[in-house]
Amino acid sequence: MPGGEVNLAAEMNELLGKMRGVLSAETLQFLDEMQAAVERGDAMRVLSWGECSFDPVYRTKRSLMLVGTRVPADDEAHWDIHKNNYRGAIEYAKRFGRSSSWRECEGDDE
């Protein structure tokens, strides 16, 4: 829920299942650093990505260094697990586009 309590442990478990039990060091670093930022009040969850894997999107309240990338204050950021051969990469923008729908994951019928 946007602005609500963040449970990154639950999100990490969901992501771990989608990655068949293996998360990259970069992904774990992002989760740790974002959890710390949220706990300090330096970021907040604002929405979820509109396509699989429906990752949380955060708004920074101050400039943050996340996985070696400087994200400016008041930007939105999310971890795109599909980048770098599934090692992942941070994406950020002043505001990501909004949608009233989402796109289902392909091949998740297992």
PDB file of N, CA and C in Angstrom:
ATOM      1  N   MET A   1       0.841  -1.171   0.000  1.00  0.00           N
ATOM      2  CA  MET A   1       0.000   0.000   0.000  1.00  0.00           C
ATOM      3  C   MET A   1       0.895   1.246   0.000  1.00  0.00           C
ATOM      4  N   PRO A   2       0.690   2.169  -0.904  1.00  0.00           N
ATOM      5  CA  PRO A   2       1.517   3.368  -0.953  1.00  0.00           C
ATOM      6  C   PRO A   2       1.502   4.128   0.366  1.00  0.00           C
ATOM      7  N   GLY A   3       2.706   4.489   0.831  1.00  0.00           N
ATOM      8  CA  GLY A   3       2.833   5.225   2.066  1.00  0.00           C
ATOM      9  C   GLY A   3       2.624   4.390   3.314  1.00  0.00           C
ATOM     10  N   GLY A   4       2.241   3.123   3.147  1.00  0.00           N
ATOM     11  CA  GLY A   4       1.990   2.256   4.287  1.00  0.00           C
ATOM     12  C   GLY A   4       3.256   1.597   4.794  1.00  0.00           C
ATOM     13  N   GLU A   5       3.088   0.750   5.774  1.00  0.00           N
ATOM     14  CA  GLU A   5       4.194   0.021   6.370  1.00  0.00           C
ATOM     15  C   GLU A   5       4.896  -0.824   5.309  1.00  0.00           C
ATOM     16  N   VAL A   6       6.214  -0.772   5.292  1.00  0.00           N
ATOM     17  CA  VAL A   6       6.994  -1.515   4.308  1.00  0.00           C
ATOM     18  C   VAL A   6       7.515  -2.791   4.946  1.00  0.00           C
ATOM     19  N   ASN A   7       7.310  -3.904   4.287  1.00  0.00           N
ATOM     20  CA  ASN A   7       7.841  -5.173   4.754  1.00  0.00           C
ATOM     21  C   ASN A   7       8.767  -5.716   3.674  1.00  0.00           C
ATOM     22  N   LEU A   8      10.011  -5.218   3.667  1.00  0.00           N
ATOM     23  CA  LEU A   8      10.943  -5.636   2.626  1.00  0.00           C
ATOM     24  C   LEU A   8      11.313  -7.103   2.753  1.00  0.00           C
ATOM     25  N   ALA A   9      11.219  -7.681   3.937  1.00  0.00           N
ATOM     26  CA  ALA A   9      11.500  -9.109   4.081  1.00  0.00           C
ATOM     27  C   ALA A   9      10.494  -9.920   3.271  1.00  0.00           C
ATOM     28  N   ALA A  10       9.216  -9.550   3.332  1.00  0.00           N
ATOM     29  CA  ALA A  10       8.194 -10.251   2.555  1.00  0.00           C
ATOM     30  C   ALA A  10       8.426 -10.035   1.065  1.00  0.00           C
ATOM     31  N   GLU A  11       8.784  -8.800   0.690  1.00  0.00           N
ATOM     32  CA  GLU A  11       9.059  -8.522  -0.720  1.00  0.00           C
ATOM     33  C   GLU A  11      10.267  -9.319  -1.210  1.00  0.00           C
ATOM     34  N   MET A  12      11.291  -9.436  -0.350  1.00  0.00           N
ATOM     35  CA  MET A  12      12.470 -10.193  -0.726  1.00  0.00           C
ATOM     36  C   MET A  12      12.132 -11.672  -0.899  1.00  0.00           C
ATOM     37  N   ASN A  13      11.292 -12.218  -0.015  1.00  0.00           N
ATOM     38  CA  ASN A  13      10.891 -13.621  -0.150  1.00  0.00           C
ATOM     39  C   ASN A  13      10.128 -13.853  -1.448  1.00  0.00           C
ATOM     40  N   GLU A  14       9.253 -12.920  -1.807  1.00  0.00           N
ATOM     41  CA  GLU A  14       8.510 -13.048  -3.064  1.00  0.00           C
ATOM     42  C   GLU A  14       9.468 -13.005  -4.252  1.00  0.00           C
ATOM     43  N   LEU A  15      10.388 -12.046  -4.219  1.00  0.00           N
ATOM     44  CA  LEU A  15      11.371 -11.923  -5.289  1.00  0.00           C
ATOM     45  C   LEU A  15      12.249 -13.164  -5.352  1.00  0.00           C
ATOM     46  N   LEU A  16      12.645 -13.688  -4.205  1.00  0.00           N
ATOM     47  CA  LEU A  16      13.471 -14.891  -4.144  1.00  0.00           C
ATOM     48  C   LEU A  16      12.769 -16.057  -4.834  1.00  0.00           C
ATOM     49  N   GLY A  17      11.473 -16.186  -4.613  1.00  0.00           N
ATOM     50  CA  GLY A  17      10.722 -17.239  -5.285  1.00  0.00           C
ATOM     51  C   GLY A  17      10.713 -17.061  -6.783  1.00  0.00           C
ATOM     52  N   LYS A  18      10.544 -15.817  -7.233  1.00  0.00           N
ATOM     53  CA  LYS A  18      10.534 -15.539  -8.665  1.00  0.00           C
ATOM     54  C   LYS A  18      11.898 -15.779  -9.296  1.00  0.00           C
ATOM     55  N   MET A  19      12.959 -15.623  -8.509  1.00  0.00           N
ATOM     56  CA  MET A  19      14.313 -15.823  -9.023  1.00  0.00           C
ATOM     57  C   MET A  19      14.803 -17.253  -8.780  1.00  0.00           C
ATOM     58  N   ARG A  20      13.897 -18.127  -8.403  1.00  0.00           N
ATOM     59  CA  ARG A  20      14.195 -19.539  -8.174  1.00  0.00           C
ATOM     60  C   ARG A  20      15.283 -19.730  -7.110  1.00  0.00           C
ATOM     61  N   GLY A  21      15.230 -18.902  -6.078  1.00  0.00           N
ATOM     62  CA  GLY A  21      16.092 -19.090  -4.925  1.00  0.00           C
ATOM     63  C   GLY A  21      17.429 -18.388  -4.955  1.00  0.00           C
ATOM     64  N   VAL A  22      17.727 -17.601  -5.999  1.00  0.00           N
ATOM     65  CA  VAL A  22      19.027 -16.942  -6.082  1.00  0.00           C
ATOM     66  C   VAL A  22      18.835 -15.455  -6.342  1.00  0.00           C
ATOM     67  N   LEU A  23      19.254 -14.633  -5.385  1.00  0.00           N
ATOM     68  CA  LEU A  23      19.241 -13.184  -5.569  1.00  0.00           C
ATOM     69  C   LEU A  23      20.679 -12.712  -5.717  1.00  0.00           C
ATOM     70  N   SER A  24      20.888 -11.770  -6.611  1.00  0.00           N
ATOM     71  CA  SER A  24      22.236 -11.241  -6.820  1.00  0.00           C
ATOM     72  C   SER A  24      22.673 -10.414  -5.616  1.00  0.00           C
ATOM     73  N   ALA A  25      23.980 -10.257  -5.474  1.00  0.00           N
ATOM     74  CA  ALA A  25      24.523  -9.414  -4.409  1.00  0.00           C
ATOM     75  C   ALA A  25      24.005  -7.989  -4.542  1.00  0.00           C
ATOM     76  N   GLU A  26      23.864  -7.506  -5.782  1.00  0.00           N
ATOM     77  CA  GLU A  26      23.361  -6.150  -6.015  1.00  0.00           C
ATOM     78  C   GLU A  26      21.917  -6.002  -5.540  1.00  0.00           C
ATOM     79  N   THR A  27      21.102  -7.015  -5.800  1.00  0.00           N
ATOM     80  CA  THR A  27      19.711  -6.978  -5.357  1.00  0.00           C
ATOM     81  C   THR A  27      19.636  -6.943  -3.835  1.00  0.00           C
ATOM     82  N   LEU A  28      20.414  -7.784  -3.183  1.00  0.00           N
ATOM     83  CA  LEU A  28      20.430  -7.804  -1.722  1.00  0.00           C
ATOM     84  C   LEU A  28      20.925  -6.470  -1.156  1.00  0.00           C
ATOM     85  N   GLN A  29      21.935  -5.894  -1.804  1.00  0.00           N
ATOM     86  CA  GLN A  29      22.452  -4.603  -1.364  1.00  0.00           C
ATOM     87  C   GLN A  29      21.371  -3.529  -1.478  1.00  0.00           C
ATOM     88  N   PHE A  30      20.650  -3.507  -2.610  1.00  0.00           N
ATOM     89  CA  PHE A  30      19.574  -2.532  -2.773  1.00  0.00           C
ATOM     90  C   PHE A  30      18.519  -2.698  -1.679  1.00  0.00           C
ATOM     91  N   LEU A  31      18.092  -3.935  -1.429  1.00  0.00           N
ATOM     92  CA  LEU A  31      17.075  -4.179  -0.409  1.00  0.00           C
ATOM     93  C   LEU A  31      17.546  -3.704   0.967  1.00  0.00           C
ATOM     94  N   ASP A  32      18.798  -4.000   1.309  1.00  0.00           N
ATOM     95  CA  ASP A  32      19.344  -3.557   2.600  1.00  0.00           C
ATOM     96  C   ASP A  32      19.413  -2.038   2.684  1.00  0.00           C
ATOM     97  N   GLU A  33      19.937  -1.408   1.630  1.00  0.00           N
ATOM     98  CA  GLU A  33      20.097   0.044   1.646  1.00  0.00           C
ATOM     99  C   GLU A  33      18.756   0.764   1.644  1.00  0.00           C
ATOM    100  N   MET A  34      17.782   0.247   0.894  1.00  0.00           N
ATOM    101  CA  MET A  34      16.467   0.884   0.865  1.00  0.00           C
ATOM    102  C   MET A  34      15.748   0.680   2.192  1.00  0.00           C
ATOM    103  N   GLN A  35      15.876  -0.498   2.773  1.00  0.00           N
ATOM    104  CA  GLN A  35      15.264  -0.737   4.093  1.00  0.00           C
ATOM    105  C   GLN A  35      15.807   0.266   5.102  1.00  0.00           C
ATOM    106  N   ALA A  36      17.114   0.481   5.105  1.00  0.00           N
ATOM    107  CA  ALA A  36      17.727   1.434   6.024  1.00  0.00           C
ATOM    108  C   ALA A  36      17.225   2.856   5.752  1.00  0.00           C
ATOM    109  N   ALA A  37      17.104   3.227   4.470  1.00  0.00           N
ATOM    110  CA  ALA A  37      16.620   4.565   4.111  1.00  0.00           C
ATOM    111  C   ALA A  37      15.183   4.770   4.581  1.00  0.00           C
ATOM    112  N   VAL A  38      14.342   3.755   4.400  1.00  0.00           N
ATOM    113  CA  VAL A  38      12.945   3.847   4.844  1.00  0.00           C
ATOM    114  C   VAL A  38      12.895   3.979   6.363  1.00  0.00           C
ATOM    115  N   GLU A  39      13.686   3.179   7.062  1.00  0.00           N
ATOM    116  CA  GLU A  39      13.690   3.222   8.523  1.00  0.00           C
ATOM    117  C   GLU A  39      14.180   4.568   9.054  1.00  0.00           C
ATOM    118  N   ARG A  40      15.113   5.207   8.345  1.00  0.00           N
ATOM    119  CA  ARG A  40      15.611   6.532   8.750  1.00  0.00           C
ATOM    120  C   ARG A  40      14.639   7.648   8.373  1.00  0.00           C
ATOM    121  N   GLY A  41      13.648   7.333   7.546  1.00  0.00           N
ATOM    122  CA  GLY A  41      12.722   8.352   7.061  1.00  0.00           C
ATOM    123  C   GLY A  41      13.240   9.083   5.833  1.00  0.00           C
ATOM    124  N   ASP A  42      14.268   8.536   5.167  1.00  0.00           N
ATOM    125  CA  ASP A  42      14.859   9.163   3.982  1.00  0.00           C
ATOM    126  C   ASP A  42      14.189   8.747   2.681  1.00  0.00           C
ATOM    127  N   ALA A  43      13.276   7.780   2.752  1.00  0.00           N
ATOM    128  CA  ALA A  43      12.539   7.314   1.571  1.00  0.00           C
ATOM    129  C   ALA A  43      11.225   6.717   2.040  1.00  0.00           C
ATOM    130  N   MET A  44      10.274   6.642   1.111  1.00  0.00           N
ATOM    131  CA  MET A  44       8.992   6.005   1.422  1.00  0.00           C
ATOM    132  C   MET A  44       8.466   5.291   0.189  1.00  0.00           C
ATOM    133  N   ARG A  45       7.761   4.210   0.431  1.00  0.00           N
ATOM    134  CA  ARG A  45       7.143   3.472  -0.667  1.00  0.00           C
ATOM    135  C   ARG A  45       5.931   4.265  -1.134  1.00  0.00           C
ATOM    136  N   VAL A  46       5.831   4.466  -2.468  1.00  0.00           N
ATOM    137  CA  VAL A  46       4.710   5.251  -2.987  1.00  0.00           C
ATOM    138  C   VAL A  46       3.784   4.466  -3.891  1.00  0.00           C
ATOM    139  N   LEU A  47       4.265   3.425  -4.538  1.00  0.00           N
ATOM    140  CA  LEU A  47       3.431   2.632  -5.438  1.00  0.00           C
ATOM    141  C   LEU A  47       4.165   1.368  -5.840  1.00  0.00           C
ATOM    142  N   SER A  48       3.550   0.570  -6.688  1.00  0.00           N
ATOM    143  CA  SER A  48       4.181  -0.632  -7.229  1.00  0.00           C
ATOM    144  C   SER A  48       4.334  -0.489  -8.732  1.00  0.00           C
ATOM    145  N   TRP A  49       5.376  -1.095  -9.255  1.00  0.00           N
ATOM    146  CA  TRP A  49       5.623  -1.105 -10.693  1.00  0.00           C
ATOM    147  C   TRP A  49       4.439  -1.766 -11.372  1.00  0.00           C
ATOM    148  N   GLY A  50       4.030  -1.292 -12.539  1.00  0.00           N
ATOM    149  CA  GLY A  50       2.809  -1.749 -13.198  1.00  0.00           C
ATOM    150  C   GLY A  50       2.954  -2.981 -14.066  1.00  0.00           C
ATOM    151  N   GLU A  51       4.111  -3.630 -14.024  1.00  0.00           N
ATOM    152  CA  GLU A  51       4.277  -4.876 -14.769  1.00  0.00           C
ATOM    153  C   GLU A  51       5.111  -5.832 -13.945  1.00  0.00           C
ATOM    154  N   CYS A  52       5.071  -7.069 -14.313  1.00  0.00           N
ATOM    155  CA  CYS A  52       5.762  -8.107 -13.577  1.00  0.00           C
ATOM    156  C   CYS A  52       7.218  -7.701 -13.354  1.00  0.00           C
ATOM    157  N   SER A  53       7.723  -7.699 -12.271  1.00  0.00           N
ATOM    158  CA  SER A  53       7.368  -8.398 -11.050  1.00  0.00           C
ATOM    159  C   SER A  53       6.711  -7.506  -9.999  1.00  0.00           C
ATOM    160  N   PHE A  54       6.122  -6.402 -10.423  1.00  0.00           N
ATOM    161  CA  PHE A  54       5.358  -5.503  -9.559  1.00  0.00           C
ATOM    162  C   PHE A  54       6.190  -4.991  -8.378  1.00  0.00           C
ATOM    163  N   ASP A  55       7.438  -4.641  -8.653  1.00  0.00           N
ATOM    164  CA  ASP A  55       8.354  -4.162  -7.627  1.00  0.00           C
ATOM    165  C   ASP A  55       7.848  -2.875  -6.987  1.00  0.00           C
ATOM    166  N   PRO A  56       8.191  -2.670  -5.719  1.00  0.00           N
ATOM    167  CA  PRO A  56       7.814  -1.406  -5.079  1.00  0.00           C
ATOM    168  C   PRO A  56       8.600  -0.240  -5.673  1.00  0.00           C
ATOM    169  N   VAL A  57       7.971   0.921  -5.699  1.00  0.00           N
ATOM    170  CA  VAL A  57       8.617   2.157  -6.133  1.00  0.00           C
ATOM    171  C   VAL A  57       8.675   3.064  -4.910  1.00  0.00           C
ATOM    172  N   TYR A  58       9.821   3.678  -4.698  1.00  0.00           N
ATOM    173  CA  TYR A  58      10.053   4.528  -3.542  1.00  0.00           C
ATOM    174  C   TYR A  58      10.292   5.963  -3.985  1.00  0.00           C
ATOM    175  N   ARG A  59       9.936   6.921  -3.141  1.00  0.00           N
ATOM    176  CA  ARG A  59      10.282   8.323  -3.362  1.00  0.00           C
ATOM    177  C   ARG A  59      11.322   8.686  -2.312  1.00  0.00           C
ATOM    178  N   THR A  60      12.415   9.258  -2.791  1.00  0.00           N
ATOM    179  CA  THR A  60      13.465   9.684  -1.873  1.00  0.00           C
ATOM    180  C   THR A  60      13.093  11.024  -1.248  1.00  0.00           C
ATOM    181  N   LYS A  61      13.386  11.167   0.015  1.00  0.00           N
ATOM    182  CA  LYS A  61      13.143  12.436   0.708  1.00  0.00           C
ATOM    183  C   LYS A  61      14.416  13.270   0.777  1.00  0.00           C
ATOM    184  N   ARG A  62      15.539  12.605   0.512  1.00  0.00           N
ATOM    185  CA  ARG A  62      16.827  13.281   0.427  1.00  0.00           C
ATOM    186  C   ARG A  62      17.685  12.495  -0.557  1.00  0.00           C
ATOM    187  N   SER A  63      18.758  13.069  -1.023  1.00  0.00           N
ATOM    188  CA  SER A  63      19.655  12.392  -1.951  1.00  0.00           C
ATOM    189  C   SER A  63      20.216  11.139  -1.283  1.00  0.00           C
ATOM    190  N   LEU A  64      20.175  10.029  -1.995  1.00  0.00           N
ATOM    191  CA  LEU A  64      20.652   8.755  -1.447  1.00  0.00           C
ATOM    192  C   LEU A  64      21.649   8.105  -2.391  1.00  0.00           C
ATOM    193  N   MET A  65      22.611   7.393  -1.831  1.00  0.00           N
ATOM    194  CA  MET A  65      23.508   6.541  -2.601  1.00  0.00           C
ATOM    195  C   MET A  65      22.978   5.115  -2.454  1.00  0.00           C
ATOM    196  N   LEU A  66      22.504   4.536  -3.560  1.00  0.00           N
ATOM    197  CA  LEU A  66      21.934   3.189  -3.555  1.00  0.00           C
ATOM    198  C   LEU A  66      22.684   2.336  -4.564  1.00  0.00           C
ATOM    199  N   VAL A  67      23.344   1.318  -4.098  1.00  0.00           N
ATOM    200  CA  VAL A  67      24.121   0.396  -4.935  1.00  0.00           C
ATOM    201  C   VAL A  67      25.062   1.193  -5.852  1.00  0.00           C
ATOM    202  N   GLY A  68      25.728   2.168  -5.276  1.00  0.00           N
ATOM    203  CA  GLY A  68      26.709   2.949  -6.021  1.00  0.00           C
ATOM    204  C   GLY A  68      26.146   3.999  -6.956  1.00  0.00           C
ATOM    205  N   THR A  69      24.845   4.219  -6.922  1.00  0.00           N
ATOM    206  CA  THR A  69      24.197   5.202  -7.786  1.00  0.00           C
ATOM    207  C   THR A  69      23.588   6.301  -6.926  1.00  0.00           C
ATOM    208  N   ARG A  70      23.884   7.541  -7.249  1.00  0.00           N
ATOM    209  CA  ARG A  70      23.313   8.673  -6.516  1.00  0.00           C
ATOM    210  C   ARG A  70      21.913   8.952  -7.064  1.00  0.00           C
ATOM    211  N   VAL A  71      20.921   8.858  -6.197  1.00  0.00           N
ATOM    212  CA  VAL A  71      19.530   9.149  -6.548  1.00  0.00           C
ATOM    213  C   VAL A  71      19.170  10.484  -5.894  1.00  0.00           C
ATOM    214  N   PRO A  72      18.789  11.491  -6.696  1.00  0.00           N
ATOM    215  CA  PRO A  72      18.484  12.815  -6.133  1.00  0.00           C
ATOM    216  C   PRO A  72      17.277  12.796  -5.191  1.00  0.00           C
ATOM    217  N   ALA A  73      17.222  13.782  -4.325  1.00  0.00           N
ATOM    218  CA  ALA A  73      16.072  13.952  -3.434  1.00  0.00           C
ATOM    219  C   ALA A  73      14.809  14.162  -4.265  1.00  0.00           C
ATOM    220  N   ASP A  74      13.693  13.634  -3.770  1.00  0.00           N
ATOM    221  CA  ASP A  74      12.367  13.756  -4.372  1.00  0.00           C
ATOM    222  C   ASP A  74      12.253  13.073  -5.729  1.00  0.00           C
ATOM    223  N   ASP A  75      13.096  12.090  -5.992  1.00  0.00           N
ATOM    224  CA  ASP A  75      12.953  11.246  -7.181  1.00  0.00           C
ATOM    225  C   ASP A  75      12.290   9.935  -6.787  1.00  0.00           C
ATOM    226  N   GLU A  76      11.729   9.247  -7.770  1.00  0.00           N
ATOM    227  CA  GLU A  76      11.200   7.909  -7.563  1.00  0.00           C
ATOM    228  C   GLU A  76      12.236   6.910  -8.036  1.00  0.00           C
ATOM    229  N   ALA A  77      12.360   5.799  -7.303  1.00  0.00           N
ATOM    230  CA  ALA A  77      13.367   4.793  -7.623  1.00  0.00           C
ATOM    231  C   ALA A  77      12.781   3.399  -7.444  1.00  0.00           C
ATOM    232  N   HIS A  78      13.251   2.475  -8.268  1.00  0.00           N
ATOM    233  CA  HIS A  78      12.892   1.064  -8.088  1.00  0.00           C
ATOM    234  C   HIS A  78      14.036   0.202  -8.606  1.00  0.00           C
ATOM    235  N   TRP A  79      14.048  -1.054  -8.171  1.00  0.00           N
ATOM    236  CA  TRP A  79      15.067  -2.010  -8.582  1.00  0.00           C
ATOM    237  C   TRP A  79      14.506  -2.839  -9.728  1.00  0.00           C
ATOM    238  N   ASP A  80      15.149  -2.769 -10.894  1.00  0.00           N
ATOM    239  CA  ASP A  80      14.709  -3.544 -12.059  1.00  0.00           C
ATOM    240  C   ASP A  80      15.531  -4.824 -12.129  1.00  0.00           C
ATOM    241  N   ILE A  81      14.938  -5.909 -11.679  1.00  0.00           N
ATOM    242  CA  ILE A  81      15.626  -7.202 -11.604  1.00  0.00           C
ATOM    243  C   ILE A  81      15.971  -7.746 -12.985  1.00  0.00           C
ATOM    244  N   HIS A  82      15.333  -7.245 -14.034  1.00  0.00           N
ATOM    245  CA  HIS A  82      15.550  -7.761 -15.381  1.00  0.00           C
ATOM    246  C   HIS A  82      16.833  -7.232 -16.032  1.00  0.00           C
ATOM    247  N   LYS A  83      17.464  -6.237 -15.462  1.00  0.00           N
ATOM    248  CA  LYS A  83      18.680  -5.641 -16.036  1.00  0.00           C
ATOM    249  C   LYS A  83      19.916  -6.481 -15.710  1.00  0.00           C
ATOM    250  N   ASN A  84      20.963  -6.313 -16.526  1.00  0.00           N
ATOM    251  CA  ASN A  84      22.279  -6.921 -16.254  1.00  0.00           C
ATOM    252  C   ASN A  84      22.219  -8.431 -16.023  1.00  0.00           C
ATOM    253  N   ASN A  85      21.565  -9.135 -16.940  1.00  0.00           N
ATOM    254  CA  ASN A  85      21.448 -10.598 -16.819  1.00  0.00           C
ATOM    255  C   ASN A  85      20.865 -11.030 -15.478  1.00  0.00           C
ATOM    256  N   TYR A  86      19.827 -10.333 -15.056  1.00  0.00           N
ATOM    257  CA  TYR A  86      19.100 -10.595 -13.813  1.00  0.00           C
ATOM    258  C   TYR A  86      19.911 -10.315 -12.558  1.00  0.00           C
ATOM    259  N   ARG A  87      21.011  -9.554 -12.668  1.00  0.00           N
ATOM    260  CA  ARG A  87      21.690  -9.044 -11.476  1.00  0.00           C
ATOM    261  C   ARG A  87      20.931  -7.831 -10.965  1.00  0.00           C
ATOM    262  N   GLY A  88      20.239  -7.139 -11.882  1.00  0.00           N
ATOM    263  CA  GLY A  88      19.422  -5.993 -11.511  1.00  0.00           C
ATOM    264  C   GLY A  88      20.162  -4.678 -11.615  1.00  0.00           C
ATOM    265  N   ALA A  89      19.391  -3.598 -11.591  1.00  0.00           N
ATOM    266  CA  ALA A  89      19.941  -2.245 -11.623  1.00  0.00           C
ATOM    267  C   ALA A  89      18.874  -1.282 -11.122  1.00  0.00           C
ATOM    268  N   ILE A  90      19.332  -0.203 -10.535  1.00  0.00           N
ATOM    269  CA  ILE A  90      18.394   0.814 -10.062  1.00  0.00           C
ATOM    270  C   ILE A  90      17.953   1.673 -11.238  1.00  0.00           C
ATOM    271  N   GLU A  91      16.677   2.016 -11.241  1.00  0.00           N
ATOM    272  CA  GLU A  91      16.137   2.985 -12.191  1.00  0.00           C
ATOM    273  C   GLU A  91      15.506   4.095 -11.357  1.00  0.00           C
ATOM    274  N   TYR A  92      15.701   5.326 -11.804  1.00  0.00           N
ATOM    275  CA  TYR A  92      15.081   6.431 -11.089  1.00  0.00           C
ATOM    276  C   TYR A  92      14.705   7.533 -12.068  1.00  0.00           C
ATOM    277  N   ALA A  93      13.722   8.318 -11.666  1.00  0.00           N
ATOM    278  CA  ALA A  93      13.219   9.429 -12.482  1.00  0.00           C
ATOM    279  C   ALA A  93      12.504  10.395 -11.540  1.00  0.00           C
ATOM    280  N   LYS A  94      12.319  11.620 -11.998  1.00  0.00           N
ATOM    281  CA  LYS A  94      11.566  12.576 -11.191  1.00  0.00           C
ATOM    282  C   LYS A  94      10.194  11.984 -10.871  1.00  0.00           C
ATOM    283  N   ARG A  95       9.527  11.450 -11.877  1.00  0.00           N
ATOM    284  CA  ARG A  95       8.273  10.710 -11.698  1.00  0.00           C
ATOM    285  C   ARG A  95       8.178   9.687 -12.813  1.00  0.00           C
ATOM    286  N   PHE A  96       7.863   8.442 -12.439  1.00  0.00           N
ATOM    287  CA  PHE A  96       7.578   7.432 -13.448  1.00  0.00           C
ATOM    288  C   PHE A  96       6.160   7.647 -13.946  1.00  0.00           C
ATOM    289  N   GLY A  97       5.869   7.188 -15.152  1.00  0.00           N
ATOM    290  CA  GLY A  97       4.514   7.293 -15.676  1.00  0.00           C
ATOM    291  C   GLY A  97       3.539   6.499 -14.824  1.00  0.00           C
ATOM    292  N   ARG A  98       2.294   6.879 -14.855  1.00  0.00           N
ATOM    293  CA  ARG A  98       1.247   6.213 -14.068  1.00  0.00           C
ATOM    294  C   ARG A  98       0.310   5.460 -14.999  1.00  0.00           C
ATOM    295  N   SER A  99      -0.278   4.384 -14.473  1.00  0.00           N
ATOM    296  CA  SER A  99      -1.225   3.573 -15.223  1.00  0.00           C
ATOM    297  C   SER A  99      -2.315   3.106 -14.273  1.00  0.00           C
ATOM    298  N   SER A 100      -3.495   2.895 -14.809  1.00  0.00           N
ATOM    299  CA  SER A 100      -4.583   2.387 -13.983  1.00  0.00           C
ATOM    300  C   SER A 100      -4.699   0.867 -14.076  1.00  0.00           C
ATOM    301  N   SER A 101      -3.761   0.225 -14.785  1.00  0.00           N
ATOM    302  CA  SER A 101      -3.794  -1.232 -14.913  1.00  0.00           C
ATOM    303  C   SER A 101      -2.381  -1.785 -14.781  1.00  0.00           C
ATOM    304  N   TRP A 102      -2.247  -3.096 -14.926  1.00  0.00           N
ATOM    305  CA  TRP A 102      -0.949  -3.744 -14.854  1.00  0.00           C
ATOM    306  C   TRP A 102      -0.849  -4.802 -15.925  1.00  0.00           C
ATOM    307  N   ARG A 103       0.341  -5.301 -16.162  1.00  0.00           N
ATOM    308  CA  ARG A 103       0.565  -6.328 -17.164  1.00  0.00           C
ATOM    309  C   ARG A 103       0.976  -7.609 -16.471  1.00  0.00           C
ATOM    310  N   GLU A 104       0.265  -8.693 -16.768  1.00  0.00           N
ATOM    311  CA  GLU A 104       0.561  -9.982 -16.159  1.00  0.00           C
ATOM    312  C   GLU A 104       1.927 -10.501 -16.590  1.00  0.00           C
ATOM    313  N   CYS A 105       2.511 -11.325 -15.751  1.00  0.00           N
ATOM    314  CA  CYS A 105       3.793 -11.950 -16.067  1.00  0.00           C
ATOM    315  C   CYS A 105       3.581 -13.028 -17.122  1.00  0.00           C
ATOM    316  N   GLU A 106       4.484 -13.082 -18.061  1.00  0.00           N
ATOM    317  CA  GLU A 106       4.413 -14.152 -19.072  1.00  0.00           C
ATOM    318  C   GLU A 106       5.156 -15.364 -18.550  1.00  0.00           C
ATOM    319  N   GLY A 107       4.593 -16.543 -18.755  1.00  0.00           N
ATOM    320  CA  GLY A 107       5.266 -17.768 -18.377  1.00  0.00           C
ATOM    321  C   GLY A 107       5.188 -18.097 -16.903  1.00  0.00           C
ATOM    322  N   ASP A 108       4.305 -17.434 -16.157  1.00  0.00           N
ATOM    323  CA  ASP A 108       4.170 -17.704 -14.736  1.00  0.00           C
ATOM    324  C   ASP A 108       3.005 -18.640 -14.443  1.00  0.00           C
ATOM    325  N   ASP A 109       2.632 -19.471 -15.397  1.00  0.00           N
ATOM    326  CA  ASP A 109       1.492 -20.369 -15.220  1.00  0.00           C
ATOM    327  C   ASP A 109       1.856 -21.635 -14.458  1.00  0.00           C
ATOM    328  N   GLU A 110       3.113 -21.755 -14.037  1.00  0.00           N
ATOM    329  CA  GLU A 110       3.586 -22.980 -13.391  1.00  0.00           C
ATOM    330  C   GLU A 110       2.884 -23.243 -12.096  1.00  0.00           C
TER     331      GLU A 110
END
